[in-house]
Amino acid sequence: MSALSEDQRQRLAAQLRDRERALYADIRREQGKDEGDWARTVGAAPDAGEYSVHDLESDLHHAEIGRDIGELRAIGDALQRIRSGDYGVCIDCGGNIPFERLQAQPTARRCIDCQRRYDQTHAGGERGPTL
């Protein structure tokens, strides 16, 4: 059982929902960029260089969308843990994750000590920041 107060859980849930809305807006924006980039990047008679630039830009947009989707999944998991009462409990040691850590990283599933151990033993196994 988490040591977070109801007020703290509500504040963190609101923070997660705000981030979720921002990510959905980012995804819509990135999808719109990908659709409009072809006309902007290529001329009337596109050459191999213009195709390459367009492909690179498209790949970057898709990577950004993929990153956002990964974060949305983590947010969904965190919101589910809030509903089930498991939010703020370390998945490794069962200890409490401090409110300050959750404010900085609301999707955190581990306390700082367990996260450090995880990062040391799984170097390169997960993408992106884990703290």
N, C-alpha and C. Protein backbone atom coordinates (compact mmCIF):
# COMPACT_ATOMS: atom_id res chain seq x y z
N MET A 1 0.85 -1.19 0.00
CA MET A 1 0.00 0.00 0.00
C MET A 1 0.89 1.24 0.00
N SER A 2 0.54 2.17 -0.81
CA SER A 2 1.31 3.40 -0.96
C SER A 2 1.13 4.33 0.23
N ALA A 3 2.19 5.07 0.53
CA ALA A 3 2.13 6.05 1.62
C ALA A 3 1.65 7.42 1.13
N LEU A 4 1.27 7.51 -0.12
CA LEU A 4 0.81 8.78 -0.66
C LEU A 4 -0.56 9.13 -0.08
N SER A 5 -0.76 10.40 0.17
CA SER A 5 -2.08 10.86 0.62
C SER A 5 -3.02 10.92 -0.58
N GLU A 6 -4.29 11.00 -0.32
CA GLU A 6 -5.28 11.11 -1.40
C GLU A 6 -5.03 12.37 -2.22
N ASP A 7 -4.69 13.47 -1.55
CA ASP A 7 -4.39 14.72 -2.25
C ASP A 7 -3.19 14.54 -3.17
N GLN A 8 -2.15 13.87 -2.70
CA GLN A 8 -0.97 13.65 -3.53
C GLN A 8 -1.31 12.79 -4.74
N ARG A 9 -2.08 11.73 -4.53
CA ARG A 9 -2.49 10.86 -5.65
C ARG A 9 -3.29 11.66 -6.67
N GLN A 10 -4.20 12.50 -6.21
CA GLN A 10 -5.01 13.29 -7.13
C GLN A 10 -4.15 14.28 -7.90
N ARG A 11 -3.21 14.92 -7.23
CA ARG A 11 -2.32 15.86 -7.91
C ARG A 11 -1.48 15.16 -8.97
N LEU A 12 -0.97 13.98 -8.63
CA LEU A 12 -0.15 13.24 -9.59
C LEU A 12 -1.00 12.72 -10.74
N ALA A 13 -2.22 12.28 -10.46
CA ALA A 13 -3.12 11.83 -11.53
C ALA A 13 -3.42 12.98 -12.48
N ALA A 14 -3.65 14.16 -11.95
CA ALA A 14 -3.90 15.34 -12.79
C ALA A 14 -2.68 15.65 -13.64
N GLN A 15 -1.49 15.55 -13.06
CA GLN A 15 -0.25 15.78 -13.80
C GLN A 15 -0.12 14.76 -14.94
N LEU A 16 -0.45 13.51 -14.66
CA LEU A 16 -0.39 12.47 -15.69
C LEU A 16 -1.41 12.73 -16.80
N ARG A 17 -2.61 13.11 -16.44
CA ARG A 17 -3.64 13.39 -17.46
C ARG A 17 -3.27 14.61 -18.31
N ASP A 18 -2.66 15.63 -17.69
CA ASP A 18 -2.20 16.80 -18.45
C ASP A 18 -1.14 16.39 -19.47
N ARG A 19 -0.21 15.57 -19.04
CA ARG A 19 0.85 15.11 -19.95
C ARG A 19 0.26 14.24 -21.06
N GLU A 20 -0.72 13.43 -20.71
CA GLU A 20 -1.38 12.58 -21.69
C GLU A 20 -2.04 13.43 -22.79
N ARG A 21 -2.74 14.48 -22.39
CA ARG A 21 -3.36 15.38 -23.37
C ARG A 21 -2.31 16.04 -24.25
N ALA A 22 -1.20 16.47 -23.65
CA ALA A 22 -0.13 17.10 -24.42
C ALA A 22 0.47 16.13 -25.43
N LEU A 23 0.63 14.89 -25.03
CA LEU A 23 1.20 13.89 -25.95
C LEU A 23 0.26 13.62 -27.12
N TYR A 24 -1.04 13.51 -26.85
CA TYR A 24 -1.99 13.32 -27.95
C TYR A 24 -1.94 14.49 -28.92
N ALA A 25 -1.81 15.70 -28.39
CA ALA A 25 -1.70 16.88 -29.26
C ALA A 25 -0.41 16.82 -30.08
N ASP A 26 0.70 16.39 -29.46
CA ASP A 26 1.97 16.25 -30.18
C ASP A 26 1.85 15.24 -31.31
N ILE A 27 1.18 14.12 -31.02
CA ILE A 27 1.03 13.08 -32.05
C ILE A 27 0.21 13.62 -33.23
N ARG A 28 -0.87 14.30 -32.94
CA ARG A 28 -1.68 14.88 -34.03
C ARG A 28 -0.86 15.87 -34.85
N ARG A 29 -0.05 16.68 -34.17
CA ARG A 29 0.79 17.66 -34.85
C ARG A 29 1.83 16.96 -35.73
N GLU A 30 2.46 15.92 -35.19
CA GLU A 30 3.47 15.19 -35.97
C GLU A 30 2.85 14.50 -37.18
N GLN A 31 1.66 13.95 -37.00
CA GLN A 31 0.99 13.31 -38.14
C GLN A 31 0.69 14.35 -39.22
N GLY A 32 0.28 15.53 -38.83
CA GLY A 32 0.02 16.60 -39.78
C GLY A 32 1.26 17.04 -40.52
N LYS A 33 2.39 17.08 -39.81
CA LYS A 33 3.65 17.46 -40.46
C LYS A 33 4.02 16.46 -41.54
N ASP A 34 3.87 15.18 -41.23
CA ASP A 34 4.27 14.15 -42.18
C ASP A 34 3.45 14.26 -43.46
N GLU A 35 2.19 14.58 -43.32
CA GLU A 35 1.33 14.69 -44.51
C GLU A 35 1.69 15.91 -45.35
N GLY A 36 2.08 17.02 -44.73
CA GLY A 36 2.37 18.24 -45.48
C GLY A 36 3.81 18.38 -45.92
N ASP A 37 4.69 17.51 -45.46
CA ASP A 37 6.11 17.66 -45.76
C ASP A 37 6.48 17.38 -47.21
N TRP A 38 5.73 16.51 -47.86
CA TRP A 38 6.11 16.15 -49.23
C TRP A 38 6.14 17.38 -50.13
N ALA A 39 5.11 18.18 -50.09
CA ALA A 39 5.05 19.37 -50.95
C ALA A 39 6.12 20.38 -50.57
N ARG A 40 6.46 20.46 -49.30
CA ARG A 40 7.44 21.43 -48.85
C ARG A 40 8.86 20.99 -49.18
N THR A 41 9.13 19.68 -49.15
CA THR A 41 10.52 19.22 -49.30
C THR A 41 10.94 18.95 -50.74
N VAL A 42 10.00 18.67 -51.58
CA VAL A 42 10.39 18.33 -52.95
C VAL A 42 9.91 19.39 -53.93
N GLY A 43 10.63 19.52 -54.99
CA GLY A 43 10.26 20.48 -56.02
C GLY A 43 9.39 19.83 -57.08
N ALA A 44 9.24 20.53 -58.18
CA ALA A 44 8.40 20.04 -59.28
C ALA A 44 8.99 18.77 -59.90
N ALA A 45 10.32 18.69 -59.93
CA ALA A 45 11.00 17.50 -60.46
C ALA A 45 11.93 16.98 -59.38
N PRO A 46 11.40 16.19 -58.43
CA PRO A 46 12.22 15.75 -57.30
C PRO A 46 13.40 14.90 -57.73
N ASP A 47 14.51 15.11 -57.03
CA ASP A 47 15.70 14.30 -57.30
C ASP A 47 15.96 13.41 -56.08
N ALA A 48 17.00 12.61 -56.16
CA ALA A 48 17.31 11.64 -55.10
C ALA A 48 17.57 12.34 -53.76
N GLY A 49 18.18 13.50 -53.81
CA GLY A 49 18.46 14.24 -52.57
C GLY A 49 17.17 14.68 -51.88
N GLU A 50 16.23 15.16 -52.67
CA GLU A 50 14.95 15.59 -52.09
C GLU A 50 14.17 14.40 -51.52
N TYR A 51 14.22 13.28 -52.21
CA TYR A 51 13.59 12.08 -51.68
C TYR A 51 14.24 11.67 -50.35
N SER A 52 15.55 11.77 -50.29
CA SER A 52 16.27 11.40 -49.07
C SER A 52 15.90 12.31 -47.90
N VAL A 53 15.84 13.60 -48.17
CA VAL A 53 15.46 14.54 -47.11
C VAL A 53 14.05 14.25 -46.63
N HIS A 54 13.15 14.02 -47.57
CA HIS A 54 11.76 13.71 -47.18
C HIS A 54 11.70 12.42 -46.36
N ASP A 55 12.43 11.39 -46.78
CA ASP A 55 12.44 10.13 -46.04
C ASP A 55 12.99 10.32 -44.63
N LEU A 56 14.06 11.12 -44.50
CA LEU A 56 14.64 11.38 -43.19
C LEU A 56 13.64 12.11 -42.29
N GLU A 57 13.00 13.14 -42.82
CA GLU A 57 12.01 13.89 -42.04
C GLU A 57 10.85 12.99 -41.63
N SER A 58 10.41 12.15 -42.53
CA SER A 58 9.32 11.23 -42.24
C SER A 58 9.72 10.24 -41.14
N ASP A 59 10.94 9.71 -41.24
CA ASP A 59 11.44 8.80 -40.21
C ASP A 59 11.52 9.48 -38.85
N LEU A 60 11.94 10.73 -38.82
CA LEU A 60 12.02 11.47 -37.56
C LEU A 60 10.63 11.68 -36.97
N HIS A 61 9.66 12.03 -37.80
CA HIS A 61 8.29 12.20 -37.31
C HIS A 61 7.76 10.89 -36.72
N HIS A 62 8.03 9.79 -37.40
CA HIS A 62 7.56 8.49 -36.92
C HIS A 62 8.26 8.11 -35.62
N ALA A 63 9.53 8.41 -35.49
CA ALA A 63 10.26 8.12 -34.25
C ALA A 63 9.69 8.94 -33.10
N GLU A 64 9.37 10.20 -33.36
CA GLU A 64 8.78 11.04 -32.31
C GLU A 64 7.41 10.51 -31.90
N ILE A 65 6.63 10.07 -32.85
CA ILE A 65 5.32 9.49 -32.53
C ILE A 65 5.50 8.21 -31.73
N GLY A 66 6.46 7.39 -32.12
CA GLY A 66 6.73 6.15 -31.38
C GLY A 66 7.15 6.42 -29.94
N ARG A 67 7.98 7.42 -29.75
CA ARG A 67 8.39 7.81 -28.39
C ARG A 67 7.19 8.28 -27.58
N ASP A 68 6.35 9.09 -28.20
CA ASP A 68 5.15 9.58 -27.52
C ASP A 68 4.21 8.45 -27.15
N ILE A 69 4.05 7.48 -28.04
CA ILE A 69 3.18 6.34 -27.76
C ILE A 69 3.72 5.53 -26.59
N GLY A 70 5.04 5.36 -26.53
CA GLY A 70 5.64 4.66 -25.39
C GLY A 70 5.36 5.38 -24.08
N GLU A 71 5.46 6.70 -24.10
CA GLU A 71 5.17 7.47 -22.89
C GLU A 71 3.69 7.39 -22.54
N LEU A 72 2.81 7.39 -23.56
CA LEU A 72 1.38 7.24 -23.29
C LEU A 72 1.08 5.90 -22.62
N ARG A 73 1.76 4.85 -23.04
CA ARG A 73 1.58 3.54 -22.40
C ARG A 73 2.00 3.59 -20.93
N ALA A 74 3.14 4.23 -20.66
CA ALA A 74 3.61 4.35 -19.28
C ALA A 74 2.63 5.16 -18.44
N ILE A 75 2.05 6.19 -19.02
CA ILE A 75 1.05 7.01 -18.31
C ILE A 75 -0.19 6.18 -18.03
N GLY A 76 -0.64 5.42 -19.02
CA GLY A 76 -1.80 4.55 -18.83
C GLY A 76 -1.56 3.54 -17.71
N ASP A 77 -0.36 2.97 -17.68
CA ASP A 77 0.00 2.03 -16.60
C ASP A 77 -0.02 2.72 -15.25
N ALA A 78 0.52 3.94 -15.19
CA ALA A 78 0.55 4.69 -13.92
C ALA A 78 -0.87 5.01 -13.46
N LEU A 79 -1.73 5.43 -14.37
CA LEU A 79 -3.12 5.73 -14.00
C LEU A 79 -3.84 4.47 -13.52
N GLN A 80 -3.52 3.34 -14.12
CA GLN A 80 -4.10 2.07 -13.67
C GLN A 80 -3.61 1.73 -12.26
N ARG A 81 -2.34 1.97 -11.99
CA ARG A 81 -1.81 1.72 -10.63
C ARG A 81 -2.46 2.64 -9.61
N ILE A 82 -2.78 3.87 -10.02
CA ILE A 82 -3.48 4.78 -9.11
C ILE A 82 -4.85 4.19 -8.78
N ARG A 83 -5.57 3.71 -9.81
CA ARG A 83 -6.91 3.15 -9.58
C ARG A 83 -6.85 1.89 -8.71
N SER A 84 -5.82 1.08 -8.90
CA SER A 84 -5.73 -0.18 -8.15
C SER A 84 -5.11 -0.02 -6.77
N GLY A 85 -4.53 1.15 -6.49
CA GLY A 85 -3.90 1.38 -5.19
C GLY A 85 -2.44 0.98 -5.12
N ASP A 86 -1.86 0.58 -6.26
CA ASP A 86 -0.45 0.17 -6.28
C ASP A 86 0.50 1.29 -6.65
N TYR A 87 -0.03 2.44 -6.96
CA TYR A 87 0.80 3.57 -7.40
C TYR A 87 1.66 4.06 -6.23
N GLY A 88 2.92 4.30 -6.51
CA GLY A 88 3.83 4.79 -5.47
C GLY A 88 4.50 3.68 -4.70
N VAL A 89 4.32 2.43 -5.14
CA VAL A 89 4.96 1.28 -4.51
C VAL A 89 5.97 0.71 -5.49
N CYS A 90 7.19 0.54 -5.05
CA CYS A 90 8.27 0.03 -5.90
C CYS A 90 7.97 -1.41 -6.31
N ILE A 91 8.09 -1.70 -7.61
CA ILE A 91 7.81 -3.04 -8.11
C ILE A 91 8.88 -4.05 -7.74
N ASP A 92 10.06 -3.58 -7.31
CA ASP A 92 11.14 -4.50 -6.96
C ASP A 92 11.18 -4.80 -5.46
N CYS A 93 11.21 -3.76 -4.63
CA CYS A 93 11.38 -3.97 -3.19
C CYS A 93 10.08 -3.84 -2.40
N GLY A 94 9.05 -3.29 -3.02
CA GLY A 94 7.78 -3.10 -2.32
C GLY A 94 7.75 -1.89 -1.42
N GLY A 95 8.84 -1.13 -1.39
CA GLY A 95 8.89 0.09 -0.58
C GLY A 95 8.15 1.23 -1.25
N ASN A 96 7.99 2.30 -0.52
CA ASN A 96 7.30 3.47 -1.05
C ASN A 96 8.22 4.30 -1.94
N ILE A 97 7.66 4.79 -3.02
CA ILE A 97 8.37 5.72 -3.89
C ILE A 97 8.00 7.11 -3.38
N PRO A 98 8.99 7.92 -3.02
CA PRO A 98 8.70 9.25 -2.47
C PRO A 98 7.90 10.13 -3.43
N PHE A 99 7.03 10.94 -2.85
CA PHE A 99 6.19 11.86 -3.60
C PHE A 99 7.05 12.75 -4.51
N GLU A 100 8.18 13.21 -4.02
CA GLU A 100 9.04 14.10 -4.81
C GLU A 100 9.54 13.41 -6.08
N ARG A 101 9.86 12.13 -5.97
CA ARG A 101 10.30 11.38 -7.15
C ARG A 101 9.14 11.26 -8.15
N LEU A 102 7.96 10.99 -7.64
CA LEU A 102 6.80 10.85 -8.52
C LEU A 102 6.42 12.18 -9.15
N GLN A 103 6.65 13.28 -8.46
CA GLN A 103 6.40 14.59 -9.08
C GLN A 103 7.33 14.79 -10.26
N ALA A 104 8.59 14.39 -10.10
CA ALA A 104 9.58 14.56 -11.16
C ALA A 104 9.39 13.53 -12.28
N GLN A 105 8.99 12.31 -11.91
CA GLN A 105 8.81 11.22 -12.87
C GLN A 105 7.55 10.45 -12.49
N PRO A 106 6.37 10.98 -12.85
CA PRO A 106 5.12 10.38 -12.38
C PRO A 106 4.86 8.96 -12.85
N THR A 107 5.60 8.49 -13.85
CA THR A 107 5.42 7.11 -14.31
C THR A 107 6.40 6.15 -13.64
N ALA A 108 7.19 6.64 -12.68
CA ALA A 108 8.20 5.80 -12.03
C ALA A 108 7.57 4.56 -11.41
N ARG A 109 8.22 3.43 -11.63
CA ARG A 109 7.75 2.16 -11.05
C ARG A 109 8.68 1.64 -9.98
N ARG A 110 9.81 2.32 -9.83
CA ARG A 110 10.81 1.87 -8.85
C ARG A 110 11.26 3.03 -7.99
N CYS A 111 11.67 2.71 -6.77
CA CYS A 111 12.31 3.72 -5.92
C CYS A 111 13.69 4.01 -6.50
N ILE A 112 14.32 5.05 -6.03
CA ILE A 112 15.63 5.46 -6.58
C ILE A 112 16.66 4.34 -6.48
N ASP A 113 16.78 3.71 -5.32
CA ASP A 113 17.80 2.67 -5.14
C ASP A 113 17.57 1.50 -6.09
N CYS A 114 16.33 1.03 -6.20
CA CYS A 114 16.04 -0.09 -7.11
C CYS A 114 16.23 0.32 -8.56
N GLN A 115 15.90 1.58 -8.89
CA GLN A 115 16.09 2.05 -10.26
C GLN A 115 17.57 2.08 -10.61
N ARG A 116 18.40 2.52 -9.67
CA ARG A 116 19.86 2.52 -9.92
C ARG A 116 20.36 1.11 -10.16
N ARG A 117 19.93 0.17 -9.31
CA ARG A 117 20.34 -1.23 -9.50
C ARG A 117 19.86 -1.75 -10.85
N TYR A 118 18.63 -1.44 -11.18
CA TYR A 118 18.08 -1.88 -12.46
C TYR A 118 18.90 -1.31 -13.62
N ASP A 119 19.19 -0.02 -13.57
CA ASP A 119 19.97 0.62 -14.64
C ASP A 119 21.36 0.01 -14.76
N GLN A 120 21.98 -0.34 -13.64
CA GLN A 120 23.32 -0.93 -13.68
C GLN A 120 23.30 -2.33 -14.28
N THR A 121 22.25 -3.09 -14.00
CA THR A 121 22.20 -4.47 -14.49
C THR A 121 21.55 -4.59 -15.86
N HIS A 122 20.86 -3.57 -16.29
CA HIS A 122 20.18 -3.61 -17.58
C HIS A 122 20.63 -2.47 -18.48
N ALA A 123 21.87 -2.11 -18.42
CA ALA A 123 22.40 -1.00 -19.22
C ALA A 123 22.09 -1.24 -20.68
N GLY A 124 21.41 -0.27 -21.28
CA GLY A 124 21.06 -0.35 -22.69
C GLY A 124 19.84 -1.17 -22.98
N GLY A 125 19.22 -1.77 -21.97
CA GLY A 125 18.05 -2.61 -22.18
C GLY A 125 16.79 -1.83 -22.42
N GLU A 126 16.66 -0.65 -21.84
CA GLU A 126 15.48 0.18 -22.05
C GLU A 126 15.93 1.47 -22.70
N ARG A 127 15.05 2.05 -23.49
CA ARG A 127 15.38 3.29 -24.17
C ARG A 127 14.82 4.46 -23.38
N GLY A 128 15.54 5.56 -23.39
CA GLY A 128 15.05 6.77 -22.76
C GLY A 128 15.39 6.83 -21.28
N PRO A 129 15.12 7.98 -20.67
CA PRO A 129 15.42 8.16 -19.25
C PRO A 129 14.53 7.27 -18.38
N THR A 130 15.13 6.73 -17.33
CA THR A 130 14.38 5.84 -16.46
C THR A 130 14.22 6.41 -15.06
N LEU A 131 14.93 7.47 -14.76
CA LEU A 131 14.79 8.07 -13.44
C LEU A 131 13.76 9.10 -13.53
